[in-house]
Amino acid sequence: MLDSVKRSSDGLTFPEILIAICAVILVLFIAAAMLFPRLSGGESAPRAAAKNDVVQLATAITAYQTEYGHLPPGANGPVNRTLAEVLTGIDATANPRKIVFMEIAPWKLKRGGTNAAGDFLDPWGNPYFVATSASGTIGQAGSVTGRTAYDLPKPVAVWNVPATTLTREAHRQAVTSWE
């Protein structure tokens, strides 16, 4: 009885064509989903790295203050070799227990790190800055003109200063620990 049902060799049936079209569309969506993060992630990865850096710096300075009862040397102004070596446990004078409050890699474009002079720079090569307050409120801190924060209810604020002027790029690169 089943042998009596013969299939026509004239072509595909409508359901077969519909399944084939859906399969092609599904493959295209999967390929687009795999490709899209690579295309868009290139611009957001350095910003995410910079945001991570400012939060880690603020946390490391707060942890140092908790551990030793005072702020580390160089904790106000640009993050230079002095502060970087204290927070990474290299400076045994200011950090006698050699506690590693944060790890900082050598500087690489779009990743950040310390340059040859020991300054801690953002992924674009711009300096990070720190403001601290014993009272727990920062009077003024900022990253780009027009993005200044006043009276921050935090003991430590960290931000970067993009080299570009007031452009979309400057605001994209501007990162703070309080936003």
C-alpha atoms as a PDB file:
ATOM      1  CA  MET A   1       0.000   0.000   0.000  1.00  0.00           C
ATOM      2  CA  LEU A   2       2.811   2.428   0.782  1.00  0.00           C
ATOM      3  CA  ASP A   3       4.521   1.493  -2.447  1.00  0.00           C
ATOM      4  CA  SER A   4       1.565   2.747  -4.414  1.00  0.00           C
ATOM      5  CA  VAL A   5       2.176   6.319  -3.240  1.00  0.00           C
ATOM      6  CA  LYS A   6       4.690   7.726  -5.662  1.00  0.00           C
ATOM      7  CA  ARG A   7       6.411  10.995  -5.414  1.00  0.00           C
ATOM      8  CA  SER A   8       6.516  13.370  -8.295  1.00  0.00           C
ATOM      9  CA  SER A   9       9.979  14.389  -9.471  1.00  0.00           C
ATOM     10  CA  ASP A  10       8.726  17.708 -10.807  1.00  0.00           C
ATOM     11  CA  GLY A  11      10.258  19.778  -7.941  1.00  0.00           C
ATOM     12  CA  LEU A  12       9.854  20.771  -4.341  1.00  0.00           C
ATOM     13  CA  THR A  13       6.557  21.093  -2.566  1.00  0.00           C
ATOM     14  CA  PHE A  14       5.471  24.340  -0.927  1.00  0.00           C
ATOM     15  CA  PRO A  15       6.265  23.163   2.642  1.00  0.00           C
ATOM     16  CA  GLU A  16       9.758  22.096   1.516  1.00  0.00           C
ATOM     17  CA  ILE A  17      10.406  25.500  -0.058  1.00  0.00           C
ATOM     18  CA  LEU A  18       9.140  27.244   3.080  1.00  0.00           C
ATOM     19  CA  ILE A  19      11.447  25.175   5.303  1.00  0.00           C
ATOM     20  CA  ALA A  20      14.424  25.899   3.029  1.00  0.00           C
ATOM     21  CA  ILE A  21      13.747  29.651   3.112  1.00  0.00           C
ATOM     22  CA  CYS A  22      13.419  29.603   6.910  1.00  0.00           C
ATOM     23  CA  ALA A  23      16.693  27.675   7.186  1.00  0.00           C
ATOM     24  CA  VAL A  24      18.511  30.240   5.022  1.00  0.00           C
ATOM     25  CA  ILE A  25      17.092  33.138   7.057  1.00  0.00           C
ATOM     26  CA  LEU A  26      18.071  31.393  10.300  1.00  0.00           C
ATOM     27  CA  VAL A  27      21.653  30.905   9.071  1.00  0.00           C
ATOM     28  CA  LEU A  28      21.849  34.602   8.101  1.00  0.00           C
ATOM     29  CA  PHE A  29      20.571  35.699  11.525  1.00  0.00           C
ATOM     30  CA  ILE A  30      23.089  33.470  13.299  1.00  0.00           C
ATOM     31  CA  ALA A  31      25.933  34.828  11.154  1.00  0.00           C
ATOM     32  CA  ALA A  32      24.826  38.419  11.833  1.00  0.00           C
ATOM     33  CA  ALA A  33      24.569  37.739  15.579  1.00  0.00           C
ATOM     34  CA  MET A  34      28.121  36.383  15.602  1.00  0.00           C
ATOM     35  CA  LEU A  35      29.509  39.242  13.525  1.00  0.00           C
ATOM     36  CA  PHE A  36      27.710  42.197  15.158  1.00  0.00           C
ATOM     37  CA  PRO A  37      29.541  42.159  18.529  1.00  0.00           C
ATOM     38  CA  ARG A  38      32.879  42.156  16.711  1.00  0.00           C
ATOM     39  CA  LEU A  39      31.896  45.184  14.662  1.00  0.00           C
ATOM     40  CA  SER A  40      30.380  47.201  17.489  1.00  0.00           C
ATOM     41  CA  GLY A  41      32.562  45.930  20.332  1.00  0.00           C
ATOM     42  CA  GLY A  42      35.702  47.558  18.985  1.00  0.00           C
ATOM     43  CA  GLU A  43      34.620  50.986  20.166  1.00  0.00           C
ATOM     44  CA  SER A  44      33.080  50.018  23.489  1.00  0.00           C
ATOM     45  CA  ALA A  45      35.912  47.783  24.735  1.00  0.00           C
ATOM     46  CA  PRO A  46      38.343  50.654  25.477  1.00  0.00           C
ATOM     47  CA  ARG A  47      35.596  52.576  27.278  1.00  0.00           C
ATOM     48  CA  ALA A  48      34.757  49.505  29.362  1.00  0.00           C
ATOM     49  CA  ALA A  49      38.461  49.066  30.188  1.00  0.00           C
ATOM     50  CA  ALA A  50      38.707  52.732  31.246  1.00  0.00           C
ATOM     51  CA  LYS A  51      35.570  52.468  33.384  1.00  0.00           C
ATOM     52  CA  ASN A  52      37.001  49.353  35.020  1.00  0.00           C
ATOM     53  CA  ASP A  53      40.280  51.193  35.689  1.00  0.00           C
ATOM     54  CA  VAL A  54      38.663  54.182  37.429  1.00  0.00           C
ATOM     55  CA  VAL A  55      36.506  51.952  39.617  1.00  0.00           C
ATOM     56  CA  GLN A  56      39.508  49.768  40.515  1.00  0.00           C
ATOM     57  CA  LEU A  57      41.604  52.828  41.350  1.00  0.00           C
ATOM     58  CA  ALA A  58      38.919  54.246  43.631  1.00  0.00           C
ATOM     59  CA  THR A  59      38.492  50.862  45.314  1.00  0.00           C
ATOM     60  CA  ALA A  60      42.268  50.360  45.716  1.00  0.00           C
ATOM     61  CA  ILE A  61      42.756  53.804  47.284  1.00  0.00           C
ATOM     62  CA  THR A  62      39.849  53.193  49.661  1.00  0.00           C
ATOM     63  CA  ALA A  63      41.255  49.761  50.579  1.00  0.00           C
ATOM     64  CA  TYR A  64      44.694  51.286  51.236  1.00  0.00           C
ATOM     65  CA  GLN A  65      43.122  53.914  53.486  1.00  0.00           C
ATOM     66  CA  THR A  66      41.197  51.219  55.342  1.00  0.00           C
ATOM     67  CA  GLU A  67      44.338  49.101  55.771  1.00  0.00           C
ATOM     68  CA  TYR A  68      46.782  51.820  56.841  1.00  0.00           C
ATOM     69  CA  GLY A  69      44.480  54.519  58.260  1.00  0.00           C
ATOM     70  CA  HIS A  70      45.607  57.241  55.839  1.00  0.00           C
ATOM     71  CA  LEU A  71      45.626  57.978  52.131  1.00  0.00           C
ATOM     72  CA  PRO A  72      48.499  56.709  49.993  1.00  0.00           C
ATOM     73  CA  PRO A  73      51.145  59.193  48.856  1.00  0.00           C
ATOM     74  CA  GLY A  74      50.215  60.865  45.589  1.00  0.00           C
ATOM     75  CA  ALA A  75      46.503  60.205  46.072  1.00  0.00           C
ATOM     76  CA  ASN A  76      45.508  63.630  44.703  1.00  0.00           C
ATOM     77  CA  GLY A  77      46.225  64.666  41.145  1.00  0.00           C
ATOM     78  CA  PRO A  78      47.424  62.563  38.218  1.00  0.00           C
ATOM     79  CA  VAL A  79      48.040  58.873  38.857  1.00  0.00           C
ATOM     80  CA  ASN A  80      51.811  58.745  38.532  1.00  0.00           C
ATOM     81  CA  ARG A  81      54.542  56.216  39.338  1.00  0.00           C
ATOM     82  CA  THR A  82      54.416  57.032  43.063  1.00  0.00           C
ATOM     83  CA  LEU A  83      50.771  56.099  43.508  1.00  0.00           C
ATOM     84  CA  ALA A  84      50.936  53.184  41.052  1.00  0.00           C
ATOM     85  CA  GLU A  85      53.866  51.599  42.904  1.00  0.00           C
ATOM     86  CA  VAL A  86      52.149  52.011  46.275  1.00  0.00           C
ATOM     87  CA  LEU A  87      48.904  50.395  45.080  1.00  0.00           C
ATOM     88  CA  THR A  88      50.682  47.535  43.284  1.00  0.00           C
ATOM     89  CA  GLY A  89      52.792  46.670  46.340  1.00  0.00           C
ATOM     90  CA  ILE A  90      56.147  47.674  44.814  1.00  0.00           C
ATOM     91  CA  ASP A  91      56.819  50.600  47.197  1.00  0.00           C
ATOM     92  CA  ALA A  92      57.643  48.897  50.512  1.00  0.00           C
ATOM     93  CA  THR A  93      58.126  52.230  52.300  1.00  0.00           C
ATOM     94  CA  ALA A  94      54.558  53.475  51.807  1.00  0.00           C
ATOM     95  CA  ASN A  95      53.103  49.946  51.667  1.00  0.00           C
ATOM     96  CA  PRO A  96      55.214  47.998  54.203  1.00  0.00           C
ATOM     97  CA  ARG A  97      52.996  44.914  54.036  1.00  0.00           C
ATOM     98  CA  LYS A  98      53.432  44.922  50.212  1.00  0.00           C
ATOM     99  CA  ILE A  99      49.707  44.413  49.731  1.00  0.00           C
ATOM    100  CA  VAL A 100      48.670  44.368  46.082  1.00  0.00           C
ATOM    101  CA  PHE A 101      45.600  46.589  46.053  1.00  0.00           C
ATOM    102  CA  MET A 102      45.420  46.461  42.258  1.00  0.00           C
ATOM    103  CA  GLU A 103      47.376  45.063  39.349  1.00  0.00           C
ATOM    104  CA  ILE A 104      48.395  47.339  36.500  1.00  0.00           C
ATOM    105  CA  ALA A 105      49.758  45.953  33.243  1.00  0.00           C
ATOM    106  CA  PRO A 106      52.134  47.809  30.925  1.00  0.00           C
ATOM    107  CA  TRP A 107      50.298  50.294  28.713  1.00  0.00           C
ATOM    108  CA  LYS A 108      48.769  49.062  25.454  1.00  0.00           C
ATOM    109  CA  LEU A 109      46.574  50.963  23.040  1.00  0.00           C
ATOM    110  CA  LYS A 110      42.862  50.345  23.755  1.00  0.00           C
ATOM    111  CA  ARG A 111      43.752  48.570  27.031  1.00  0.00           C
ATOM    112  CA  GLY A 112      45.513  51.155  29.179  1.00  0.00           C
ATOM    113  CA  GLY A 113      48.161  50.562  31.846  1.00  0.00           C
ATOM    114  CA  THR A 114      51.409  52.151  32.998  1.00  0.00           C
ATOM    115  CA  ASN A 115      53.713  53.819  30.494  1.00  0.00           C
ATOM    116  CA  ALA A 116      57.537  53.874  30.595  1.00  0.00           C
ATOM    117  CA  ALA A 117      57.474  56.776  33.084  1.00  0.00           C
ATOM    118  CA  GLY A 118      55.179  54.783  35.400  1.00  0.00           C
ATOM    119  CA  ASP A 119      52.099  56.950  34.831  1.00  0.00           C
ATOM    120  CA  PHE A 120      48.793  55.075  34.770  1.00  0.00           C
ATOM    121  CA  LEU A 121      47.050  55.963  31.495  1.00  0.00           C
ATOM    122  CA  ASP A 122      43.650  55.191  30.008  1.00  0.00           C
ATOM    123  CA  PRO A 123      43.269  53.079  26.821  1.00  0.00           C
ATOM    124  CA  TRP A 124      43.731  56.176  24.646  1.00  0.00           C
ATOM    125  CA  GLY A 125      46.936  57.303  26.397  1.00  0.00           C
ATOM    126  CA  ASN A 126      45.360  60.021  28.572  1.00  0.00           C
ATOM    127  CA  PRO A 127      46.098  60.375  32.313  1.00  0.00           C
ATOM    128  CA  TYR A 128      43.815  59.355  35.149  1.00  0.00           C
ATOM    129  CA  PHE A 129      43.267  61.841  37.987  1.00  0.00           C
ATOM    130  CA  VAL A 130      42.319  61.291  41.620  1.00  0.00           C
ATOM    131  CA  ALA A 131      40.665  63.562  44.179  1.00  0.00           C
ATOM    132  CA  THR A 132      40.275  62.473  47.789  1.00  0.00           C
ATOM    133  CA  SER A 133      38.582  63.928  50.838  1.00  0.00           C
ATOM    134  CA  ALA A 134      38.915  63.041  54.484  1.00  0.00           C
ATOM    135  CA  SER A 135      35.420  64.427  55.095  1.00  0.00           C
ATOM    136  CA  GLY A 136      33.858  62.000  52.623  1.00  0.00           C
ATOM    137  CA  THR A 137      32.738  64.679  50.164  1.00  0.00           C
ATOM    138  CA  ILE A 138      34.748  65.736  47.136  1.00  0.00           C
ATOM    139  CA  GLY A 139      34.345  69.463  46.496  1.00  0.00           C
ATOM    140  CA  GLN A 140      35.031  69.357  42.761  1.00  0.00           C
ATOM    141  CA  ALA A 141      36.087  66.651  40.332  1.00  0.00           C
ATOM    142  CA  GLY A 142      35.620  66.265  36.629  1.00  0.00           C
ATOM    143  CA  SER A 143      36.780  64.821  33.396  1.00  0.00           C
ATOM    144  CA  VAL A 144      35.794  67.106  30.545  1.00  0.00           C
ATOM    145  CA  THR A 145      34.739  70.728  30.749  1.00  0.00           C
ATOM    146  CA  GLY A 146      31.002  70.687  31.156  1.00  0.00           C
ATOM    147  CA  ARG A 147      31.033  67.281  32.906  1.00  0.00           C
ATOM    148  CA  THR A 148      32.317  68.475  36.263  1.00  0.00           C
ATOM    149  CA  ALA A 149      30.788  67.054  39.414  1.00  0.00           C
ATOM    150  CA  TYR A 150      30.508  69.087  42.600  1.00  0.00           C
ATOM    151  CA  ASP A 151      30.017  67.846  46.136  1.00  0.00           C
ATOM    152  CA  LEU A 152      30.400  64.163  45.421  1.00  0.00           C
ATOM    153  CA  PRO A 153      29.342  62.118  48.449  1.00  0.00           C
ATOM    154  CA  LYS A 154      32.445  59.932  48.089  1.00  0.00           C
ATOM    155  CA  PRO A 155      35.860  59.924  49.731  1.00  0.00           C
ATOM    156  CA  VAL A 156      37.626  59.090  46.435  1.00  0.00           C
ATOM    157  CA  ALA A 157      36.870  60.208  42.874  1.00  0.00           C
ATOM    158  CA  VAL A 158      38.799  59.057  39.793  1.00  0.00           C
ATOM    159  CA  TRP A 159      38.454  60.291  36.218  1.00  0.00           C
ATOM    160  CA  ASN A 160      40.385  60.648  32.991  1.00  0.00           C
ATOM    161  CA  VAL A 161      40.971  63.728  30.858  1.00  0.00           C
ATOM    162  CA  PRO A 162      40.703  63.027  27.122  1.00  0.00           C
ATOM    163  CA  ALA A 163      43.235  64.835  24.944  1.00  0.00           C
ATOM    164  CA  THR A 164      40.548  65.876  22.479  1.00  0.00           C
ATOM    165  CA  THR A 165      38.402  68.952  23.002  1.00  0.00           C
ATOM    166  CA  LEU A 166      34.651  69.152  23.518  1.00  0.00           C
ATOM    167  CA  THR A 167      33.690  66.722  20.820  1.00  0.00           C
ATOM    168  CA  ARG A 168      31.627  63.586  20.675  1.00  0.00           C
ATOM    169  CA  GLU A 169      34.896  61.636  20.850  1.00  0.00           C
ATOM    170  CA  ALA A 170      35.919  63.444  24.050  1.00  0.00           C
ATOM    171  CA  HIS A 171      32.619  62.600  25.712  1.00  0.00           C
ATOM    172  CA  ARG A 172      32.901  58.997  24.525  1.00  0.00           C
ATOM    173  CA  GLN A 173      36.363  58.724  26.058  1.00  0.00           C
ATOM    174  CA  ALA A 174      35.502  60.578  29.281  1.00  0.00           C
ATOM    175  CA  VAL A 175      35.081  58.150  32.175  1.00  0.00           C
ATOM    176  CA  THR A 176      34.457  58.791  35.872  1.00  0.00           C
ATOM    177  CA  SER A 177      34.212  56.602  38.948  1.00  0.00           C
ATOM    178  CA  TRP A 178      31.028  58.301  40.130  1.00  0.00           C
ATOM    179  CA  GLU A 179      28.735  57.858  37.108  1.00  0.00           C
END
